[in-house]
C-alpha atoms as a PDB file:
ATOM      1  CA  MET A   1      51.315  35.832   0.476  1.00  0.00           C
ATOM      2  CA  SER A   2      53.445  35.507  -1.734  1.00  0.00           C
ATOM      3  CA  ARG A   3      56.802  35.714  -1.149  1.00  0.00           C
ATOM      4  CA  TYR A   4      57.758  37.181  -4.350  1.00  0.00           C
ATOM      5  CA  PRO A   5      54.934  39.099  -5.393  1.00  0.00           C
ATOM      6  CA  GLY A   6      54.861  40.543  -8.943  1.00  0.00           C
ATOM      7  CA  ASN A   7      56.967  38.347  -9.732  1.00  0.00           C
ATOM      8  CA  PRO A   8      55.818  36.966 -13.111  1.00  0.00           C
ATOM      9  CA  PHE A   9      58.160  33.660 -12.940  1.00  0.00           C
ATOM     10  CA  TRP A  10      56.570  33.030  -9.890  1.00  0.00           C
ATOM     11  CA  ARG A  11      53.352  30.773  -8.797  1.00  0.00           C
ATOM     12  CA  GLU A  12      51.382  33.276  -6.840  1.00  0.00           C
ATOM     13  CA  SER A  13      48.926  30.392  -5.906  1.00  0.00           C
ATOM     14  CA  ASP A  14      50.869  27.748  -4.290  1.00  0.00           C
ATOM     15  CA  ASP A  15      53.722  30.324  -3.698  1.00  0.00           C
ATOM     16  CA  LYS A  16      56.369  28.300  -6.005  1.00  0.00           C
ATOM     17  CA  PRO A  17      58.537  28.808  -8.526  1.00  0.00           C
ATOM     18  CA  ILE A  18      57.521  28.307 -12.296  1.00  0.00           C
ATOM     19  CA  VAL A  19      60.226  25.660 -14.358  1.00  0.00           C
ATOM     20  CA  ILE A  20      62.558  28.108 -16.197  1.00  0.00           C
ATOM     21  CA  LYS A  21      62.722  25.578 -19.535  1.00  0.00           C
ATOM     22  CA  SER A  22      64.428  27.399 -21.808  1.00  0.00           C
ATOM     23  CA  ALA A  23      68.244  29.734 -22.087  1.00  0.00           C
ATOM     24  CA  GLN A  24      66.497  32.575 -23.529  1.00  0.00           C
ATOM     25  CA  GLN A  25      63.553  32.426 -20.622  1.00  0.00           C
ATOM     26  CA  TRP A  26      66.140  32.502 -18.187  1.00  0.00           C
ATOM     27  CA  ALA A  27      67.941  34.991 -19.503  1.00  0.00           C
ATOM     28  CA  ARG A  28      64.929  37.058 -19.693  1.00  0.00           C
ATOM     29  CA  ALA A  29      63.893  36.487 -16.178  1.00  0.00           C
ATOM     30  CA  LYS A  30      67.128  37.316 -15.201  1.00  0.00           C
ATOM     31  CA  ALA A  31      68.024  40.635 -16.813  1.00  0.00           C
ATOM     32  CA  ALA A  32      64.161  41.029 -15.174  1.00  0.00           C
ATOM     33  CA  GLY A  33      65.639  40.706 -11.790  1.00  0.00           C
ATOM     34  CA  HIS A  34      63.460  37.417 -11.450  1.00  0.00           C
ATOM     35  CA  ILE A  35      65.456  34.776 -10.414  1.00  0.00           C
ATOM     36  CA  THR A  36      64.769  33.755  -6.989  1.00  0.00           C
ATOM     37  CA  PRO A  37      66.804  30.982  -5.011  1.00  0.00           C
ATOM     38  CA  GLU A  38      64.152  28.430  -5.213  1.00  0.00           C
ATOM     39  CA  HIS A  39      64.694  29.328  -9.591  1.00  0.00           C
ATOM     40  CA  VAL A  40      68.748  27.890  -8.919  1.00  0.00           C
ATOM     41  CA  LEU A  41      68.415  24.934  -6.902  1.00  0.00           C
ATOM     42  CA  THR A  42      65.592  23.987  -9.789  1.00  0.00           C
ATOM     43  CA  ARG A  43      68.078  24.403 -12.298  1.00  0.00           C
ATOM     44  CA  ALA A  44      71.155  22.772  -9.996  1.00  0.00           C
ATOM     45  CA  GLY A  45      68.861  19.649  -9.397  1.00  0.00           C
ATOM     46  CA  GLY A  46      68.003  19.446 -13.585  1.00  0.00           C
ATOM     47  CA  ILE A  47      71.804  20.004 -14.254  1.00  0.00           C
ATOM     48  CA  LEU A  48      72.328  17.031 -11.683  1.00  0.00           C
ATOM     49  CA  LEU A  49      69.525  14.810 -13.510  1.00  0.00           C
ATOM     50  CA  GLY A  50      70.960  15.697 -17.041  1.00  0.00           C
ATOM     51  CA  ALA A  51      74.593  14.361 -15.377  1.00  0.00           C
ATOM     52  CA  ASP A  52      72.880  10.821 -14.827  1.00  0.00           C
ATOM     53  CA  GLY A  53      71.279  10.834 -18.005  1.00  0.00           C
ATOM     54  CA  GLN A  54      67.936  11.430 -17.641  1.00  0.00           C
ATOM     55  CA  PRO A  55      66.316  12.629 -20.743  1.00  0.00           C
ATOM     56  CA  GLU A  56      64.244  15.658 -19.450  1.00  0.00           C
ATOM     57  CA  TRP A  57      67.106  17.651 -18.870  1.00  0.00           C
ATOM     58  CA  ASP A  58      69.968  19.061 -20.729  1.00  0.00           C
ATOM     59  CA  GLU A  59      73.880  19.734 -19.223  1.00  0.00           C
ATOM     60  CA  ASP A  60      72.754  23.306 -18.848  1.00  0.00           C
ATOM     61  CA  GLY A  61      69.675  22.085 -16.381  1.00  0.00           C
ATOM     62  CA  PHE A  62      66.741  23.182 -18.932  1.00  0.00           C
ATOM     63  CA  ASP A  63      64.060  20.752 -20.844  1.00  0.00           C
ATOM     64  CA  ARG A  64      65.236  19.189 -23.769  1.00  0.00           C
ATOM     65  CA  PRO A  65      62.769  19.818 -26.383  1.00  0.00           C
ATOM     66  CA  VAL A  66      60.402  16.872 -27.505  1.00  0.00           C
ATOM     67  CA  MET A  67      61.142  15.906 -30.689  1.00  0.00           C
ATOM     68  CA  TYR A  68      60.613  12.837 -32.333  1.00  0.00           C
ATOM     69  CA  GLU A  69      60.956  11.963 -36.158  1.00  0.00           C
ATOM     70  CA  MET A  70      58.138  10.104 -37.825  1.00  0.00           C
ATOM     71  CA  ILE A  71      56.716   7.172 -40.375  1.00  0.00           C
ATOM     72  CA  SER A  72      53.229   7.798 -41.940  1.00  0.00           C
ATOM     73  CA  ALA A  73      51.289   4.159 -42.854  1.00  0.00           C
ATOM     74  CA  LEU A  74      47.924   3.585 -44.319  1.00  0.00           C
ATOM     75  CA  GLY A  75      47.491   6.853 -46.072  1.00  0.00           C
ATOM     76  CA  GLY A  76      48.287   8.825 -42.601  1.00  0.00           C
ATOM     77  CA  ALA A  77      46.368   6.788 -40.183  1.00  0.00           C
ATOM     78  CA  VAL A  78      48.934   5.353 -38.351  1.00  0.00           C
ATOM     79  CA  ARG A  79      52.149   7.225 -37.226  1.00  0.00           C
ATOM     80  CA  MET A  80      54.865   5.193 -36.175  1.00  0.00           C
ATOM     81  CA  ARG A  81      57.200   7.515 -33.771  1.00  0.00           C
ATOM     82  CA  VAL A  82      60.974   7.190 -32.486  1.00  0.00           C
ATOM     83  CA  TYR A  83      61.756  10.144 -29.809  1.00  0.00           C
ATOM     84  CA  THR A  84      64.951  12.087 -29.936  1.00  0.00           C
ATOM     85  CA  ASN A  85      64.887  12.240 -25.997  1.00  0.00           C
ATOM     86  CA  ASP A  86      63.824   8.286 -25.433  1.00  0.00           C
ATOM     87  CA  HIS A  87      64.653   5.831 -22.782  1.00  0.00           C
ATOM     88  CA  PRO A  88      65.680   1.952 -23.735  1.00  0.00           C
ATOM     89  CA  PRO A  89      65.039   0.021 -24.617  1.00  0.00           C
ATOM     90  CA  PRO A  90      64.945   0.525 -28.388  1.00  0.00           C
ATOM     91  CA  HIS A  91      61.023   1.600 -29.135  1.00  0.00           C
ATOM     92  CA  ALA A  92      58.557   3.453 -31.482  1.00  0.00           C
ATOM     93  CA  HIS A  93      55.644   5.109 -30.215  1.00  0.00           C
ATOM     94  CA  PHE A  94      52.231   4.195 -32.301  1.00  0.00           C
ATOM     95  CA  GLU A  95      49.131   5.801 -32.939  1.00  0.00           C
ATOM     96  CA  ARG A  96      45.990   5.588 -34.326  1.00  0.00           C
ATOM     97  CA  LYS A  97      45.114   9.083 -36.674  1.00  0.00           C
ATOM     98  CA  GLY A  98      42.115  10.718 -34.296  1.00  0.00           C
ATOM     99  CA  TYR A  99      43.201   8.857 -31.078  1.00  0.00           C
ATOM    100  CA  SER A 100      46.609  10.871 -30.366  1.00  0.00           C
ATOM    101  CA  VAL A 101      45.621  10.326 -26.603  1.00  0.00           C
ATOM    102  CA  THR A 102      46.524   6.806 -26.598  1.00  0.00           C
ATOM    103  CA  SER A 103      50.078   5.733 -28.012  1.00  0.00           C
ATOM    104  CA  LEU A 104      51.177   2.142 -28.006  1.00  0.00           C
ATOM    105  CA  LYS A 105      54.794   1.300 -27.233  1.00  0.00           C
ATOM    106  CA  PHE A 106      56.514  -1.245 -29.476  1.00  0.00           C
ATOM    107  CA  ASN A 107      60.162  -3.132 -28.389  1.00  0.00           C
ATOM    108  CA  LEU A 108      62.198  -3.091 -31.737  1.00  0.00           C
ATOM    109  CA  LEU A 109      64.300  -6.086 -30.275  1.00  0.00           C
ATOM    110  CA  THR A 110      61.756  -7.625 -29.759  1.00  0.00           C
ATOM    111  CA  GLY A 111      57.953  -6.931 -31.009  1.00  0.00           C
ATOM    112  CA  GLU A 112      56.221  -6.627 -27.801  1.00  0.00           C
ATOM    113  CA  LEU A 113      54.076  -4.443 -26.691  1.00  0.00           C
ATOM    114  CA  MET A 114      55.358  -2.620 -23.939  1.00  0.00           C
ATOM    115  CA  ASN A 115      52.355  -0.983 -22.804  1.00  0.00           C
ATOM    116  CA  PRO A 116      49.277  -3.786 -22.615  1.00  0.00           C
ATOM    117  CA  PRO A 117      46.475  -3.816 -22.762  1.00  0.00           C
ATOM    118  CA  ALA A 118      45.776  -1.724 -25.822  1.00  0.00           C
ATOM    119  CA  PRO A 119      42.641   0.313 -25.782  1.00  0.00           C
ATOM    120  CA  GLN A 120      39.227  -1.707 -25.847  1.00  0.00           C
ATOM    121  CA  GLY A 121      38.577  -1.995 -29.569  1.00  0.00           C
ATOM    122  CA  TRP A 122      41.530  -1.646 -31.031  1.00  0.00           C
ATOM    123  CA  GLY A 123      42.050  -5.437 -31.654  1.00  0.00           C
ATOM    124  CA  PRO A 124      42.073  -4.951 -35.263  1.00  0.00           C
ATOM    125  CA  THR A 125      44.301  -1.758 -34.687  1.00  0.00           C
ATOM    126  CA  LEU A 126      46.664  -3.515 -32.693  1.00  0.00           C
ATOM    127  CA  LYS A 127      47.023  -6.283 -35.419  1.00  0.00           C
ATOM    128  CA  LYS A 128      47.465  -3.604 -38.125  1.00  0.00           C
ATOM    129  CA  MET A 129      50.106  -2.315 -35.983  1.00  0.00           C
ATOM    130  CA  ARG A 130      52.092  -5.025 -35.583  1.00  0.00           C
ATOM    131  CA  VAL A 131      52.100  -6.072 -39.384  1.00  0.00           C
ATOM    132  CA  LEU A 132      53.296  -2.189 -39.463  1.00  0.00           C
ATOM    133  CA  LEU A 133      56.030  -3.045 -37.201  1.00  0.00           C
ATOM    134  CA  VAL A 134      57.294  -5.472 -39.332  1.00  0.00           C
ATOM    135  CA  GLU A 135      56.992  -4.170 -43.185  1.00  0.00           C
ATOM    136  CA  HIS A 136      58.958  -0.830 -40.825  1.00  0.00           C
ATOM    137  CA  HIS A 137      61.671  -2.497 -39.095  1.00  0.00           C
ATOM    138  CA  GLN A 138      64.400  -1.180 -40.751  1.00  0.00           C
ATOM    139  CA  PRO A 139      63.849   2.406 -40.644  1.00  0.00           C
ATOM    140  CA  LEU A 140      62.345   2.493 -37.108  1.00  0.00           C
ATOM    141  CA  VAL A 141      65.586   1.252 -35.978  1.00  0.00           C
ATOM    142  CA  GLU A 142      67.288   3.107 -38.245  1.00  0.00           C
ATOM    143  CA  LEU A 143      66.030   6.263 -36.768  1.00  0.00           C
ATOM    144  CA  TRP A 144      66.507   4.820 -33.180  1.00  0.00           C
ATOM    145  CA  GLU A 145      70.480   4.020 -33.991  1.00  0.00           C
ATOM    146  CA  LYS A 146      70.366   7.851 -35.484  1.00  0.00           C
ATOM    147  CA  ASN A 147      68.633   9.070 -32.004  1.00  0.00           C
ATOM    148  CA  HIS A 148      70.299   6.698 -29.677  1.00  0.00           C
ATOM    149  CA  GLY A 149      73.029   5.121 -30.956  1.00  0.00           C
ATOM    150  CA  ALA A 150      73.331   1.198 -32.302  1.00  0.00           C
ATOM    151  CA  ILE A 151      71.233  -1.738 -31.067  1.00  0.00           C
ATOM    152  CA  ASP A 152      72.008  -5.558 -31.251  1.00  0.00           C
ATOM    153  CA  LEU A 153      68.984  -7.288 -33.097  1.00  0.00           C
ATOM    154  CA  GLU A 154      71.002 -10.577 -32.532  1.00  0.00           C
ATOM    155  CA  ILE A 155      68.707 -10.483 -28.830  1.00  0.00           C
ATOM    156  CA  ASN A 156      65.676 -10.793 -30.983  1.00  0.00           C
ATOM    157  CA  THR A 157      62.977 -13.104 -30.862  1.00  0.00           C
ATOM    158  CA  GLY A 158      63.200 -13.900 -34.551  1.00  0.00           C
ATOM    159  CA  LEU A 159      60.816 -11.832 -35.818  1.00  0.00           C
ATOM    160  CA  TRP A 160      62.708  -9.561 -38.035  1.00  0.00           C
END
């Protein structure tokens, strides 16, 4: 039996709150009387995590939208993304068209693959991605710096 039957912001199957992810959704739930103590605790936890610099939460305890800036290459066959709310070290996500489930992360300081190994059969694609990383390094660094602040390229391994 649910503690809050009929509450659309409460998951009755396991009797837990549904995370309210935006200020607009919070306002609607509050106006309808659906905010529970569990919702308040979840949001308070989000505020605390946000204060510690975690990218998932903003200063009001709501999810930050997942946004990115993208550079496309090889006729759109490869997408290079820099997420606006990502974590250090500076890196870019590379995706192969038709394989968006697999994202390879390349460190912008060293050029190293951050999530090895690459999927089986990606050898030729991985080589193309490394070439694209070198070719598009400056614009990728500029996207990172625009969203996260300056990075020191002096500590790299000489790839750039």
